[in-house]
């Protein structure tokens, strides 16, 4: 059970980091 929660948070972290990178790229292109 704990591993499942951890993997879920890991996926959230990956999405969060990808979103931040995308925002930074958009800001750089503007």
C-alpha atoms as a PDB file:
ATOM      1  CA  UNK A   1       0.000   0.000   0.000  1.00  0.00           C
ATOM      2  CA  UNK A   2       2.756   2.430   0.905  1.00  0.00           C
ATOM      3  CA  UNK A   3       4.633   1.762  -2.314  1.00  0.00           C
ATOM      4  CA  UNK A   4       1.486   2.501  -4.331  1.00  0.00           C
ATOM      5  CA  UNK A   5       1.048   5.870  -2.612  1.00  0.00           C
ATOM      6  CA  UNK A   6       4.741   6.657  -3.109  1.00  0.00           C
ATOM      7  CA  UNK A   7       4.575   5.833  -6.839  1.00  0.00           C
ATOM      8  CA  UNK A   8       1.483   8.022  -7.132  1.00  0.00           C
ATOM      9  CA  UNK A   9       3.318  10.944  -5.539  1.00  0.00           C
ATOM     10  CA  UNK A  10       6.284  10.254  -7.799  1.00  0.00           C
ATOM     11  CA  UNK A  11       4.031  10.555 -10.871  1.00  0.00           C
ATOM     12  CA  UNK A  12       2.649  13.821  -9.473  1.00  0.00           C
ATOM     13  CA  UNK A  13       6.206  15.107  -9.007  1.00  0.00           C
ATOM     14  CA  UNK A  14       7.071  14.240 -12.613  1.00  0.00           C
ATOM     15  CA  UNK A  15       3.968  16.036 -13.914  1.00  0.00           C
ATOM     16  CA  UNK A  16       4.690  19.030 -11.663  1.00  0.00           C
ATOM     17  CA  UNK A  17       8.302  19.308 -12.850  1.00  0.00           C
ATOM     18  CA  UNK A  18       7.214  18.931 -16.487  1.00  0.00           C
ATOM     19  CA  UNK A  19       4.620  21.685 -15.996  1.00  0.00           C
ATOM     20  CA  UNK A  20       7.221  24.025 -14.467  1.00  0.00           C
ATOM     21  CA  UNK A  21       9.655  23.322 -17.319  1.00  0.00           C
ATOM     22  CA  UNK A  22       6.894  24.019 -19.864  1.00  0.00           C
ATOM     23  CA  UNK A  23       6.004  27.305 -18.136  1.00  0.00           C
ATOM     24  CA  UNK A  24       9.668  28.366 -18.099  1.00  0.00           C
ATOM     25  CA  UNK A  25      10.022  27.566 -21.818  1.00  0.00           C
ATOM     26  CA  UNK A  26       6.868  29.546 -22.649  1.00  0.00           C
ATOM     27  CA  UNK A  27       8.164  32.486 -20.602  1.00  0.00           C
ATOM     28  CA  UNK A  28      11.515  32.292 -22.400  1.00  0.00           C
ATOM     29  CA  UNK A  29       9.888  32.252 -25.829  1.00  0.00           C
ATOM     30  CA  UNK A  30       7.680  35.260 -25.107  1.00  0.00           C
END
